Each structure stands twice: as C-alpha cells, then as structure tokens.
Amino acid sequence: MKKNQWIVAAVLSGAMLTPAAFARDRTERASNVGTKVGTVVFRLASQTADSGFEAQTLPNGRTVYVSAQDAFTSAEVGSIATTRSGDGQQMSITLEPGASERLAMRTTESGADSVAIIRGGRVVAVGSIASIGVNITTITGLTAAEAARIQRLVATRNLADASTVVTVVPQQAVVSPGGMVTVDVYISNVQSLRTYQFALSVTNGDTGSLTRDHGVVDLANADFVFDGRGQVIQAVDEVNGRFGAVLFQGGADAPTRKYLGSYTYQVSPDASGTFTISVTPGTISFLISEAGVQMPYRTLPAKVTIN
C-alpha cells in the first residue's frame, strides 16, 4: 500500500468502532431509549425464533423476531442517504456517536444481523446490517418503496436539504478530444469541519470517455478550506479515486466557497457530447465535524462539453 493510501486508510479507521468504544458503562447504554408518540424506532431483529426476540408479522405476511429494546430512534438520526445495491436499496444512516455504540454493543451481545424499523408499534420494514461505524450505519436488503417510506417517516434533515454544498467546478468547460480537463471541488456553508473525503464519478457523454489521470489536494491554494488552521494531513488514493484531508486540531468554518481538492482527466480521442462529473454518493464521500459527527451536504456537479 502506498504511503498516501495508508494515510487515507488511517483516517477512515478513525470512523470505525474499536474495542475500546465498548468499554464504557454498559448499564447506562443497556437501558431502553425513551420514545415519543410518532417517533420511528430501530430495533434489532432476527429471522429465527431462538433469538429470544418477540415474533412480529410484516405487511407481506412474513414473520420476524424483534427485540423489545430500541437500538436507536429517529431523534438520534442526523441524515439518511439511499443508493441502489443489487436488486435492492442500501441505506446509510448518520447517527449520533452514542447511538452507534449502543447499536454495536447490542448487536454483539445478541448476535442479531438485522434491524426492524417500527412506527406506531408496527414493523414498517426489516433490513440487514451491513456495517456499523461511529457515525454511519449501513442497512441493506430494503426495497425502493421501503427505503423511500423510511426517509419520509424519519423526522430529520435529508441530505438533499442540507445547507452545506459541495460543488464540482471544471477549469475548462469545453475541451477537445484527446485533451485533458481538470475539475476542482469546493465547499461552502459549513461549520467546524475537521475531516473530509470525496470520490468523483463520470457519467453521460455521447461517445468515448474521461479517464481519471491524477488527483491532488493543493495545500498552497489560497482558498484551501484548512488554510491557516494548523497541521493538516492530506492524501490522494489514485487506485480508488478518492482524496481527503484531516485537520489535526479544531475545525474550520467556510461560509463562502473554499477549496477541497482537484482531479484531472484524460479525454479519449473519440469523446463527444457533454460529460457530468459529480461527487460519488455513499460512504466513500463524507464530511466529519470537529465533534466527530458526520455532516450532511448536497452536491452540484460539473458539466464538460467535448468540442
């Protein structure tokens, strides 16, 4: 593994739970989470009766076994993002750190591998737990209708409504076949930012392709988001096409547009039409605050026309 890839991996490992995360007071976290009328609750579930959970019937008639304890509630959800995964939907849920630890602890203790989403005492859907991080929990196996309903039910600010904006801006809006094009990524309206990582995706175009050539986080850029904030680690992972940076201490505010990083693409000789370069959705792209909480954001893509 290259050194810069190792740095990115080290940064990412900070967003995952470690054994020390479970060393806190188990008694406090084992108590049930208080809920209000209308709150959406998430409880561990199993497909087998030997789990000791209570049998519940799903809208499709299937029986699942659901814990009597809330793993977390909609009040502890910061944001929800959904992406297609195979024939179903993958849901990435940003949680408060305490909720993530509680979920991980109860999953470890019970051996459960699923979560039931409940509203008004009824199970709305059941998904499989793919991963649990300090801030992000990923649930798979949901239908598009189930994922959409959960997003509507959860009383939280959706990623699409977030005030923080990540914008991809081309240095050249029109380029020639066989040439090169560079895009810069900027952020605006963010507070207490400490860590970020982004990957970019290329779509559309009539013929040909834009192939990723290299990336950079230019610390000398006068608009760099962490400029003047102290020691910074930056990294570019060319294999997976991601870049990011971490501020050692504190956080940065960016009410106006600030620079995050850049990627340069090789335009194929047969390229034509207009290509879209956008932030790759899902867990590969994220913002983390000084407090260690993942932050919601919305994105604006770049358009590059081949003339």
C-alpha atoms as a PDB file:
ATOM      1  CA  MET A   1       0.000   0.000   0.000  1.00  0.00           C
ATOM      2  CA  LYS A   2       1.324   3.408  -0.928  1.00  0.00           C
ATOM      3  CA  LYS A   3       2.002   5.868   1.849  1.00  0.00           C
ATOM      4  CA  ASN A   4      -0.761   8.246   0.835  1.00  0.00           C
ATOM      5  CA  GLN A   5      -3.228   5.366   0.637  1.00  0.00           C
ATOM      6  CA  TRP A   6      -2.178   4.295   4.126  1.00  0.00           C
ATOM      7  CA  ILE A   7      -2.898   7.797   5.417  1.00  0.00           C
ATOM      8  CA  VAL A   8      -6.413   7.689   3.959  1.00  0.00           C
ATOM      9  CA  ALA A   9      -6.933   4.256   5.491  1.00  0.00           C
ATOM     10  CA  ALA A  10      -5.755   5.558   8.852  1.00  0.00           C
ATOM     11  CA  VAL A  11      -8.170   8.441   8.607  1.00  0.00           C
ATOM     12  CA  LEU A  12     -11.003   6.098   7.728  1.00  0.00           C
ATOM     13  CA  SER A  13     -10.184   3.777  10.614  1.00  0.00           C
ATOM     14  CA  GLY A  14     -10.967   6.639  12.947  1.00  0.00           C
ATOM     15  CA  ALA A  15     -14.564   6.468  11.747  1.00  0.00           C
ATOM     16  CA  MET A  16     -14.930   2.810  12.742  1.00  0.00           C
ATOM     17  CA  LEU A  17     -15.722   1.396  16.138  1.00  0.00           C
ATOM     18  CA  THR A  18     -12.850  -0.064  18.155  1.00  0.00           C
ATOM     19  CA  PRO A  19     -12.997  -2.452  21.124  1.00  0.00           C
ATOM     20  CA  ALA A  20     -12.331   0.498  23.434  1.00  0.00           C
ATOM     21  CA  ALA A  21     -15.617   2.003  22.325  1.00  0.00           C
ATOM     22  CA  PHE A  22     -17.408  -0.745  24.229  1.00  0.00           C
ATOM     23  CA  ALA A  23     -15.546  -0.185  27.494  1.00  0.00           C
ATOM     24  CA  ARG A  24     -17.961   2.494  28.706  1.00  0.00           C
ATOM     25  CA  ASP A  25     -20.735   1.970  31.217  1.00  0.00           C
ATOM     26  CA  ARG A  26     -22.845  -0.874  29.855  1.00  0.00           C
ATOM     27  CA  THR A  27     -25.599  -0.290  32.368  1.00  0.00           C
ATOM     28  CA  GLU A  28     -26.288   3.199  31.105  1.00  0.00           C
ATOM     29  CA  ARG A  29     -26.389   2.126  27.461  1.00  0.00           C
ATOM     30  CA  ALA A  30     -28.428  -1.014  28.117  1.00  0.00           C
ATOM     31  CA  SER A  31     -31.431   0.978  29.271  1.00  0.00           C
ATOM     32  CA  ASN A  32     -34.172   1.389  26.709  1.00  0.00           C
ATOM     33  CA  VAL A  33     -34.230   4.606  24.711  1.00  0.00           C
ATOM     34  CA  GLY A  34     -37.160   6.821  25.608  1.00  0.00           C
ATOM     35  CA  THR A  35     -39.524   7.407  22.708  1.00  0.00           C
ATOM     36  CA  LYS A  36     -42.287   9.864  21.930  1.00  0.00           C
ATOM     37  CA  VAL A  37     -45.510   9.242  20.078  1.00  0.00           C
ATOM     38  CA  GLY A  38     -44.832   9.231  16.326  1.00  0.00           C
ATOM     39  CA  THR A  39     -41.113   8.517  16.728  1.00  0.00           C
ATOM     40  CA  VAL A  40     -39.594   5.977  14.366  1.00  0.00           C
ATOM     41  CA  VAL A  41     -37.630   3.359  16.297  1.00  0.00           C
ATOM     42  CA  PHE A  42     -34.990   0.930  15.099  1.00  0.00           C
ATOM     43  CA  ARG A  43     -34.733  -2.419  16.903  1.00  0.00           C
ATOM     44  CA  LEU A  44     -32.546  -5.460  16.334  1.00  0.00           C
ATOM     45  CA  ALA A  45     -34.252  -8.341  14.550  1.00  0.00           C
ATOM     46  CA  SER A  46     -33.638 -11.959  13.652  1.00  0.00           C
ATOM     47  CA  GLN A  47     -35.103 -14.475  11.251  1.00  0.00           C
ATOM     48  CA  THR A  48     -35.042 -17.277  13.862  1.00  0.00           C
ATOM     49  CA  ALA A  49     -37.147 -17.891  16.964  1.00  0.00           C
ATOM     50  CA  ASP A  50     -34.158 -18.905  19.109  1.00  0.00           C
ATOM     51  CA  SER A  51     -33.040 -15.275  19.313  1.00  0.00           C
ATOM     52  CA  GLY A  52     -35.345 -14.687  22.276  1.00  0.00           C
ATOM     53  CA  PHE A  53     -36.978 -11.772  20.468  1.00  0.00           C
ATOM     54  CA  GLU A  54     -40.723 -11.249  20.064  1.00  0.00           C
ATOM     55  CA  ALA A  55     -42.462 -12.534  16.922  1.00  0.00           C
ATOM     56  CA  GLN A  56     -43.783  -9.817  14.609  1.00  0.00           C
ATOM     57  CA  THR A  57     -45.686 -10.116  11.348  1.00  0.00           C
ATOM     58  CA  LEU A  58     -44.565  -7.991   8.405  1.00  0.00           C
ATOM     59  CA  PRO A  59     -47.001  -6.412   5.918  1.00  0.00           C
ATOM     60  CA  ASN A  60     -46.122  -9.198   3.440  1.00  0.00           C
ATOM     61  CA  GLY A  61     -47.098 -11.863   5.994  1.00  0.00           C
ATOM     62  CA  ARG A  62     -43.548 -12.943   6.820  1.00  0.00           C
ATOM     63  CA  THR A  63     -42.655 -13.463  10.488  1.00  0.00           C
ATOM     64  CA  VAL A  64     -39.564 -11.911  12.033  1.00  0.00           C
ATOM     65  CA  TYR A  65     -38.370 -11.748  15.621  1.00  0.00           C
ATOM     66  CA  VAL A  66     -37.812  -8.282  17.036  1.00  0.00           C
ATOM     67  CA  SER A  67     -36.068  -7.071  20.191  1.00  0.00           C
ATOM     68  CA  ALA A  68     -38.149  -5.230  22.811  1.00  0.00           C
ATOM     69  CA  GLN A  69     -35.390  -2.621  23.189  1.00  0.00           C
ATOM     70  CA  ASP A  70     -34.824   0.365  20.919  1.00  0.00           C
ATOM     71  CA  ALA A  71     -31.349   0.291  19.396  1.00  0.00           C
ATOM     72  CA  PHE A  72     -31.821   3.930  18.337  1.00  0.00           C
ATOM     73  CA  THR A  73     -34.591   6.312  17.345  1.00  0.00           C
ATOM     74  CA  SER A  74     -35.235   8.892  14.656  1.00  0.00           C
ATOM     75  CA  ALA A  75     -34.275  11.587  17.171  1.00  0.00           C
ATOM     76  CA  GLU A  76     -30.693  10.254  17.014  1.00  0.00           C
ATOM     77  CA  VAL A  77     -30.518  10.247  13.203  1.00  0.00           C
ATOM     78  CA  GLY A  78     -28.647  13.064  11.535  1.00  0.00           C
ATOM     79  CA  SER A  79     -29.285  12.073   7.911  1.00  0.00           C
ATOM     80  CA  ILE A  80     -30.272   9.205   5.641  1.00  0.00           C
ATOM     81  CA  ALA A  81     -28.935   8.510   2.152  1.00  0.00           C
ATOM     82  CA  THR A  82     -30.012   5.656  -0.107  1.00  0.00           C
ATOM     83  CA  THR A  83     -28.236   4.102  -3.081  1.00  0.00           C
ATOM     84  CA  ARG A  84     -29.049   1.131  -5.292  1.00  0.00           C
ATOM     85  CA  SER A  85     -27.377  -2.098  -4.235  1.00  0.00           C
ATOM     86  CA  GLY A  86     -28.020  -5.103  -6.456  1.00  0.00           C
ATOM     87  CA  ASP A  87     -31.766  -5.629  -6.685  1.00  0.00           C
ATOM     88  CA  GLY A  88     -32.464  -3.574  -3.561  1.00  0.00           C
ATOM     89  CA  GLN A  89     -31.547  -0.386  -1.762  1.00  0.00           C
ATOM     90  CA  GLN A  90     -28.652   0.376   0.572  1.00  0.00           C
ATOM     91  CA  MET A  91     -29.369   2.903   3.306  1.00  0.00           C
ATOM     92  CA  SER A  92     -26.574   4.850   5.006  1.00  0.00           C
ATOM     93  CA  ILE A  93     -27.748   6.346   8.293  1.00  0.00           C
ATOM     94  CA  THR A  94     -25.733   9.006  10.099  1.00  0.00           C
ATOM     95  CA  LEU A  95     -26.114   8.533  13.851  1.00  0.00           C
ATOM     96  CA  GLU A  96     -25.040  10.311  16.994  1.00  0.00           C
ATOM     97  CA  PRO A  97     -21.954   8.528  18.409  1.00  0.00           C
ATOM     98  CA  GLY A  98     -23.804   7.216  21.467  1.00  0.00           C
ATOM     99  CA  ALA A  99     -26.458   5.613  19.295  1.00  0.00           C
ATOM    100  CA  SER A 100     -23.836   3.898  17.125  1.00  0.00           C
ATOM    101  CA  GLU A 101     -22.103   2.457  20.172  1.00  0.00           C
ATOM    102  CA  ARG A 102     -25.409   1.252  21.619  1.00  0.00           C
ATOM    103  CA  LEU A 103     -26.322  -0.446  18.344  1.00  0.00           C
ATOM    104  CA  ALA A 104     -22.911  -2.103  18.064  1.00  0.00           C
ATOM    105  CA  MET A 105     -22.987  -3.306  21.672  1.00  0.00           C
ATOM    106  CA  ARG A 106     -26.440  -4.836  21.366  1.00  0.00           C
ATOM    107  CA  THR A 107     -25.602  -6.416  18.020  1.00  0.00           C
ATOM    108  CA  THR A 108     -22.510  -8.032  19.529  1.00  0.00           C
ATOM    109  CA  GLU A 109     -24.385  -9.281  22.587  1.00  0.00           C
ATOM    110  CA  SER A 110     -27.398 -10.676  20.731  1.00  0.00           C
ATOM    111  CA  GLY A 111     -25.790 -11.890  17.519  1.00  0.00           C
ATOM    112  CA  ALA A 112     -28.601 -10.239  15.547  1.00  0.00           C
ATOM    113  CA  ASP A 113     -27.811  -9.319  11.963  1.00  0.00           C
ATOM    114  CA  SER A 114     -30.929  -7.338  11.027  1.00  0.00           C
ATOM    115  CA  VAL A 115     -32.799  -4.243  12.135  1.00  0.00           C
ATOM    116  CA  ALA A 116     -36.549  -3.626  12.204  1.00  0.00           C
ATOM    117  CA  ILE A 117     -37.906  -0.156  11.514  1.00  0.00           C
ATOM    118  CA  ILE A 118     -41.034   0.474  13.582  1.00  0.00           C
ATOM    119  CA  ARG A 119     -43.623   3.246  13.520  1.00  0.00           C
ATOM    120  CA  GLY A 120     -46.698   3.299  15.781  1.00  0.00           C
ATOM    121  CA  GLY A 121     -45.914  -0.157  17.142  1.00  0.00           C
ATOM    122  CA  ARG A 122     -45.884  -1.744  13.671  1.00  0.00           C
ATOM    123  CA  VAL A 123     -42.892  -3.029  11.732  1.00  0.00           C
ATOM    124  CA  VAL A 124     -42.508  -0.958   8.567  1.00  0.00           C
ATOM    125  CA  ALA A 125     -39.534  -2.864   7.137  1.00  0.00           C
ATOM    126  CA  VAL A 126     -36.622  -5.122   8.069  1.00  0.00           C
ATOM    127  CA  GLY A 127     -33.134  -4.717   6.627  1.00  0.00           C
ATOM    128  CA  SER A 128     -29.779  -6.438   7.071  1.00  0.00           C
ATOM    129  CA  ILE A 129     -27.000  -4.681   8.990  1.00  0.00           C
ATOM    130  CA  ALA A 130     -24.049  -4.412   6.599  1.00  0.00           C
ATOM    131  CA  SER A 131     -21.755  -2.297   8.789  1.00  0.00           C
ATOM    132  CA  ILE A 132     -21.715  -0.168  11.939  1.00  0.00           C
ATOM    133  CA  GLY A 133     -19.392   2.819  12.303  1.00  0.00           C
ATOM    134  CA  VAL A 134     -19.055   5.540  14.905  1.00  0.00           C
ATOM    135  CA  ASN A 135     -21.315   7.739  12.797  1.00  0.00           C
ATOM    136  CA  ILE A 136     -22.615   5.712   9.856  1.00  0.00           C
ATOM    137  CA  THR A 137     -24.651   2.512   9.933  1.00  0.00           C
ATOM    138  CA  THR A 138     -25.369   0.801   6.619  1.00  0.00           C
ATOM    139  CA  ILE A 139     -28.525  -1.246   6.113  1.00  0.00           C
ATOM    140  CA  THR A 140     -29.177  -3.348   3.017  1.00  0.00           C
ATOM    141  CA  GLY A 141     -31.968  -5.540   1.673  1.00  0.00           C
ATOM    142  CA  LEU A 142     -34.657  -2.858   1.505  1.00  0.00           C
ATOM    143  CA  THR A 143     -36.944  -2.311  -1.440  1.00  0.00           C
ATOM    144  CA  ALA A 144     -37.065   1.098  -3.087  1.00  0.00           C
ATOM    145  CA  ALA A 145     -40.551   1.659  -1.657  1.00  0.00           C
ATOM    146  CA  GLU A 146     -39.424   0.729   1.861  1.00  0.00           C
ATOM    147  CA  ALA A 147     -36.373   2.992   1.699  1.00  0.00           C
ATOM    148  CA  ALA A 148     -38.459   5.905   0.429  1.00  0.00           C
ATOM    149  CA  ARG A 149     -41.043   5.402   3.171  1.00  0.00           C
ATOM    150  CA  ILE A 150     -38.406   5.291   5.910  1.00  0.00           C
ATOM    151  CA  GLN A 151     -36.902   8.537   4.653  1.00  0.00           C
ATOM    152  CA  ARG A 152     -40.328  10.171   4.731  1.00  0.00           C
ATOM    153  CA  LEU A 153     -41.080   8.892   8.229  1.00  0.00           C
ATOM    154  CA  VAL A 154     -37.821   9.824   9.900  1.00  0.00           C
ATOM    155  CA  ALA A 155     -38.074  13.367  11.219  1.00  0.00           C
ATOM    156  CA  THR A 156     -34.629  14.539  10.186  1.00  0.00           C
ATOM    157  CA  ARG A 157     -32.920  16.781   7.692  1.00  0.00           C
ATOM    158  CA  ASN A 158     -32.326  14.851   4.498  1.00  0.00           C
ATOM    159  CA  LEU A 159     -29.027  15.079   2.678  1.00  0.00           C
ATOM    160  CA  ALA A 160     -30.758  16.752  -0.263  1.00  0.00           C
ATOM    161  CA  ASP A 161     -32.000  19.539   2.040  1.00  0.00           C
ATOM    162  CA  ALA A 162     -28.650  20.162   3.727  1.00  0.00           C
ATOM    163  CA  SER A 163     -27.361  23.713   3.682  1.00  0.00           C
ATOM    164  CA  THR A 164     -23.712  22.685   3.163  1.00  0.00           C
ATOM    165  CA  VAL A 165     -22.899  22.497  -0.552  1.00  0.00           C
ATOM    166  CA  VAL A 166     -20.055  20.597  -2.246  1.00  0.00           C
ATOM    167  CA  THR A 167     -19.548  21.860  -5.806  1.00  0.00           C
ATOM    168  CA  VAL A 168     -17.505  20.364  -8.650  1.00  0.00           C
ATOM    169  CA  VAL A 169     -16.189  23.119 -10.954  1.00  0.00           C
ATOM    170  CA  PRO A 170     -14.384  22.496 -14.280  1.00  0.00           C
ATOM    171  CA  GLN A 171     -11.326  24.577 -15.048  1.00  0.00           C
ATOM    172  CA  GLN A 172     -12.282  24.202 -18.718  1.00  0.00           C
ATOM    173  CA  ALA A 173     -15.968  23.911 -19.625  1.00  0.00           C
ATOM    174  CA  VAL A 174     -15.148  22.992 -23.236  1.00  0.00           C
ATOM    175  CA  VAL A 175     -12.236  20.739 -24.197  1.00  0.00           C
ATOM    176  CA  SER A 176     -11.036  18.924 -27.319  1.00  0.00           C
ATOM    177  CA  PRO A 177     -10.944  15.154 -27.892  1.00  0.00           C
ATOM    178  CA  GLY A 178      -7.625  13.733 -26.738  1.00  0.00           C
ATOM    179  CA  GLY A 179      -7.028  16.629 -24.339  1.00  0.00           C
ATOM    180  CA  MET A 180      -7.040  16.960 -20.551  1.00  0.00           C
ATOM    181  CA  VAL A 181      -9.593  18.517 -18.218  1.00  0.00           C
ATOM    182  CA  THR A 182      -9.256  19.376 -14.512  1.00  0.00           C
ATOM    183  CA  VAL A 183     -12.083  19.870 -12.057  1.00  0.00           C
ATOM    184  CA  ASP A 184     -11.818  21.495  -8.631  1.00  0.00           C
ATOM    185  CA  VAL A 185     -14.046  20.600  -5.685  1.00  0.00           C
ATOM    186  CA  TYR A 186     -15.260  23.333  -3.346  1.00  0.00           C
ATOM    187  CA  ILE A 187     -17.324  23.504  -0.176  1.00  0.00           C
ATOM    188  CA  SER A 188     -19.485  26.295   1.208  1.00  0.00           C
ATOM    189  CA  ASN A 189     -21.712  26.993   4.207  1.00  0.00           C
ATOM    190  CA  VAL A 190     -20.044  24.538   6.573  1.00  0.00           C
ATOM    191  CA  GLN A 191     -19.082  24.903  10.233  1.00  0.00           C
ATOM    192  CA  SER A 192     -16.462  23.110  12.357  1.00  0.00           C
ATOM    193  CA  LEU A 193     -15.201  20.889   9.534  1.00  0.00           C
ATOM    194  CA  ARG A 194     -12.280  18.700  10.569  1.00  0.00           C
ATOM    195  CA  THR A 195     -12.168  15.792   8.083  1.00  0.00           C
ATOM    196  CA  TYR A 196     -13.345  15.240   4.538  1.00  0.00           C
ATOM    197  CA  GLN A 197     -13.032  12.642   1.820  1.00  0.00           C
ATOM    198  CA  PHE A 198     -14.526  12.624  -1.675  1.00  0.00           C
ATOM    199  CA  ALA A 199     -14.546  10.468  -4.777  1.00  0.00           C
ATOM    200  CA  LEU A 200     -15.798  11.637  -8.176  1.00  0.00           C
ATOM    201  CA  SER A 201     -17.776   9.803 -10.843  1.00  0.00           C
ATOM    202  CA  VAL A 202     -18.062  10.497 -14.583  1.00  0.00           C
ATOM    203  CA  THR A 203     -21.355   9.876 -16.401  1.00  0.00           C
ATOM    204  CA  ASN A 204     -23.139  10.775 -19.643  1.00  0.00           C
ATOM    205  CA  GLY A 205     -21.327  11.859 -22.818  1.00  0.00           C
ATOM    206  CA  ASP A 206     -22.271  10.569 -26.268  1.00  0.00           C
ATOM    207  CA  THR A 207     -19.140   8.623 -27.153  1.00  0.00           C
ATOM    208  CA  GLY A 208     -15.715   7.974 -25.651  1.00  0.00           C
ATOM    209  CA  SER A 209     -14.706   8.528 -22.056  1.00  0.00           C
ATOM    210  CA  LEU A 210     -12.974  10.672 -19.464  1.00  0.00           C
ATOM    211  CA  THR A 211     -10.341   8.598 -17.664  1.00  0.00           C
ATOM    212  CA  ARG A 212      -9.038   9.658 -14.274  1.00  0.00           C
ATOM    213  CA  ASP A 213      -5.366  10.685 -14.572  1.00  0.00           C
ATOM    214  CA  HIS A 214      -4.374  12.060 -11.167  1.00  0.00           C
ATOM    215  CA  GLY A 215      -5.669  13.907  -8.139  1.00  0.00           C
ATOM    216  CA  VAL A 216      -4.265  16.499  -5.768  1.00  0.00           C
ATOM    217  CA  VAL A 217      -5.125  18.369  -2.594  1.00  0.00           C
ATOM    218  CA  ASP A 218      -3.268  21.629  -3.142  1.00  0.00           C
ATOM    219  CA  LEU A 219      -2.353  22.909   0.325  1.00  0.00           C
ATOM    220  CA  ALA A 220      -0.897  26.052  -1.263  1.00  0.00           C
ATOM    221  CA  ASN A 221      -4.243  27.034  -2.764  1.00  0.00           C
ATOM    222  CA  ALA A 222      -5.178  30.411  -1.256  1.00  0.00           C
ATOM    223  CA  ASP A 223      -8.770  29.195  -0.854  1.00  0.00           C
ATOM    224  CA  PHE A 224      -7.892  25.879   0.827  1.00  0.00           C
ATOM    225  CA  VAL A 225     -10.515  25.150   3.469  1.00  0.00           C
ATOM    226  CA  PHE A 226      -7.916  24.426   6.196  1.00  0.00           C
ATOM    227  CA  ASP A 227      -5.529  27.252   5.262  1.00  0.00           C
ATOM    228  CA  GLY A 228      -4.003  28.800   8.382  1.00  0.00           C
ATOM    229  CA  ARG A 229      -5.660  26.272  10.687  1.00  0.00           C
ATOM    230  CA  GLY A 230      -2.540  24.362  11.752  1.00  0.00           C
ATOM    231  CA  GLN A 231      -1.171  20.949  10.867  1.00  0.00           C
ATOM    232  CA  VAL A 232      -3.019  19.113   8.099  1.00  0.00           C
ATOM    233  CA  ILE A 233      -2.685  15.617   6.617  1.00  0.00           C
ATOM    234  CA  GLN A 234      -3.818  15.336   3.004  1.00  0.00           C
ATOM    235  CA  ALA A 235      -3.950  12.220   0.866  1.00  0.00           C
ATOM    236  CA  VAL A 236      -4.901  11.063  -2.605  1.00  0.00           C
ATOM    237  CA  ASP A 237      -5.774   7.422  -3.288  1.00  0.00           C
ATOM    238  CA  GLU A 238      -5.262   7.013  -7.035  1.00  0.00           C
ATOM    239  CA  VAL A 239      -6.382   3.372  -7.040  1.00  0.00           C
ATOM    240  CA  ASN A 240      -9.842   4.093  -5.661  1.00  0.00           C
ATOM    241  CA  GLY A 241     -10.048   7.660  -6.927  1.00  0.00           C
ATOM    242  CA  ARG A 242     -10.544   9.456  -3.650  1.00  0.00           C
ATOM    243  CA  PHE A 243      -8.905  12.397  -1.927  1.00  0.00           C
ATOM    244  CA  GLY A 244      -9.205  13.965   1.505  1.00  0.00           C
ATOM    245  CA  ALA A 245      -7.642  15.888   4.349  1.00  0.00           C
ATOM    246  CA  VAL A 246      -7.686  15.942   8.130  1.00  0.00           C
ATOM    247  CA  LEU A 247      -7.112  18.888  10.429  1.00  0.00           C
ATOM    248  CA  PHE A 248      -5.097  17.800  13.478  1.00  0.00           C
ATOM    249  CA  GLN A 249      -6.908  20.096  15.898  1.00  0.00           C
ATOM    250  CA  GLY A 250     -10.048  22.169  15.866  1.00  0.00           C
ATOM    251  CA  GLY A 251     -12.401  22.770  12.982  1.00  0.00           C
ATOM    252  CA  ALA A 252     -12.810  25.181  10.086  1.00  0.00           C
ATOM    253  CA  ASP A 253     -15.765  27.350   9.153  1.00  0.00           C
ATOM    254  CA  ALA A 254     -16.411  28.087   5.491  1.00  0.00           C
ATOM    255  CA  PRO A 255     -19.428  30.358   4.979  1.00  0.00           C
ATOM    256  CA  THR A 256     -18.219  31.077   1.444  1.00  0.00           C
ATOM    257  CA  ARG A 257     -16.692  28.754  -1.156  1.00  0.00           C
ATOM    258  CA  LYS A 258     -13.425  27.067  -0.140  1.00  0.00           C
ATOM    259  CA  TYR A 259     -11.180  24.611  -1.975  1.00  0.00           C
ATOM    260  CA  LEU A 260     -11.026  20.876  -1.132  1.00  0.00           C
ATOM    261  CA  GLY A 261      -9.136  19.152  -3.964  1.00  0.00           C
ATOM    262  CA  SER A 262      -8.820  18.517  -7.706  1.00  0.00           C
ATOM    263  CA  TYR A 263      -8.863  15.717 -10.264  1.00  0.00           C
ATOM    264  CA  THR A 264      -7.518  15.713 -13.823  1.00  0.00           C
ATOM    265  CA  TYR A 265      -8.998  13.508 -16.541  1.00  0.00           C
ATOM    266  CA  GLN A 266      -7.720  12.302 -19.899  1.00  0.00           C
ATOM    267  CA  VAL A 267     -10.267  12.837 -22.684  1.00  0.00           C
ATOM    268  CA  SER A 268     -10.335   9.945 -25.140  1.00  0.00           C
ATOM    269  CA  PRO A 269      -9.788  10.768 -28.841  1.00  0.00           C
ATOM    270  CA  ASP A 270     -13.303   9.566 -29.719  1.00  0.00           C
ATOM    271  CA  ALA A 271     -15.061  11.516 -26.930  1.00  0.00           C
ATOM    272  CA  SER A 272     -18.080  13.639 -27.811  1.00  0.00           C
ATOM    273  CA  GLY A 273     -21.076  15.190 -26.097  1.00  0.00           C
ATOM    274  CA  THR A 274     -21.355  16.574 -22.569  1.00  0.00           C
ATOM    275  CA  PHE A 275     -19.982  14.636 -19.593  1.00  0.00           C
ATOM    276  CA  THR A 276     -21.103  15.057 -15.971  1.00  0.00           C
ATOM    277  CA  ILE A 277     -18.515  14.859 -13.175  1.00  0.00           C
ATOM    278  CA  SER A 278     -20.121  14.550  -9.762  1.00  0.00           C
ATOM    279  CA  VAL A 279     -19.400  13.522  -6.172  1.00  0.00           C
ATOM    280  CA  THR A 280     -19.734   9.761  -5.771  1.00  0.00           C
ATOM    281  CA  PRO A 281     -22.580   9.040  -3.321  1.00  0.00           C
ATOM    282  CA  GLY A 282     -22.412   6.593  -0.443  1.00  0.00           C
ATOM    283  CA  THR A 283     -19.900   6.045   2.336  1.00  0.00           C
ATOM    284  CA  ILE A 284     -16.824   6.792   0.175  1.00  0.00           C
ATOM    285  CA  SER A 285     -17.630  10.530   0.328  1.00  0.00           C
ATOM    286  CA  PHE A 286     -18.115  12.278   3.666  1.00  0.00           C
ATOM    287  CA  LEU A 287     -17.628  15.285   5.917  1.00  0.00           C
ATOM    288  CA  ILE A 288     -16.852  14.961   9.631  1.00  0.00           C
ATOM    289  CA  SER A 289     -17.097  17.762  12.165  1.00  0.00           C
ATOM    290  CA  GLU A 290     -14.730  18.723  14.961  1.00  0.00           C
ATOM    291  CA  ALA A 291     -17.048  16.812  17.321  1.00  0.00           C
ATOM    292  CA  GLY A 292     -16.634  13.635  15.249  1.00  0.00           C
ATOM    293  CA  VAL A 293     -20.134  13.705  13.756  1.00  0.00           C
ATOM    294  CA  GLN A 294     -20.760  13.046  10.083  1.00  0.00           C
ATOM    295  CA  MET A 295     -22.275  16.107   8.421  1.00  0.00           C
ATOM    296  CA  PRO A 296     -24.988  16.194   5.737  1.00  0.00           C
ATOM    297  CA  TYR A 297     -24.378  18.017   2.470  1.00  0.00           C
ATOM    298  CA  ARG A 298     -25.754  18.364  -1.035  1.00  0.00           C
ATOM    299  CA  THR A 299     -23.763  18.416  -4.259  1.00  0.00           C
ATOM    300  CA  LEU A 300     -23.612  20.323  -7.539  1.00  0.00           C
ATOM    301  CA  PRO A 301     -21.890  18.533 -10.459  1.00  0.00           C
ATOM    302  CA  ALA A 302     -19.651  19.829 -13.243  1.00  0.00           C
ATOM    303  CA  LYS A 303     -20.542  19.715 -16.937  1.00  0.00           C
ATOM    304  CA  VAL A 304     -17.745  19.317 -19.509  1.00  0.00           C
ATOM    305  CA  THR A 305     -18.500  19.549 -23.223  1.00  0.00           C
ATOM    306  CA  ILE A 306     -16.250  17.933 -25.826  1.00  0.00           C
ATOM    307  CA  ASN A 307     -15.958  20.129 -28.918  1.00  0.00           C
END
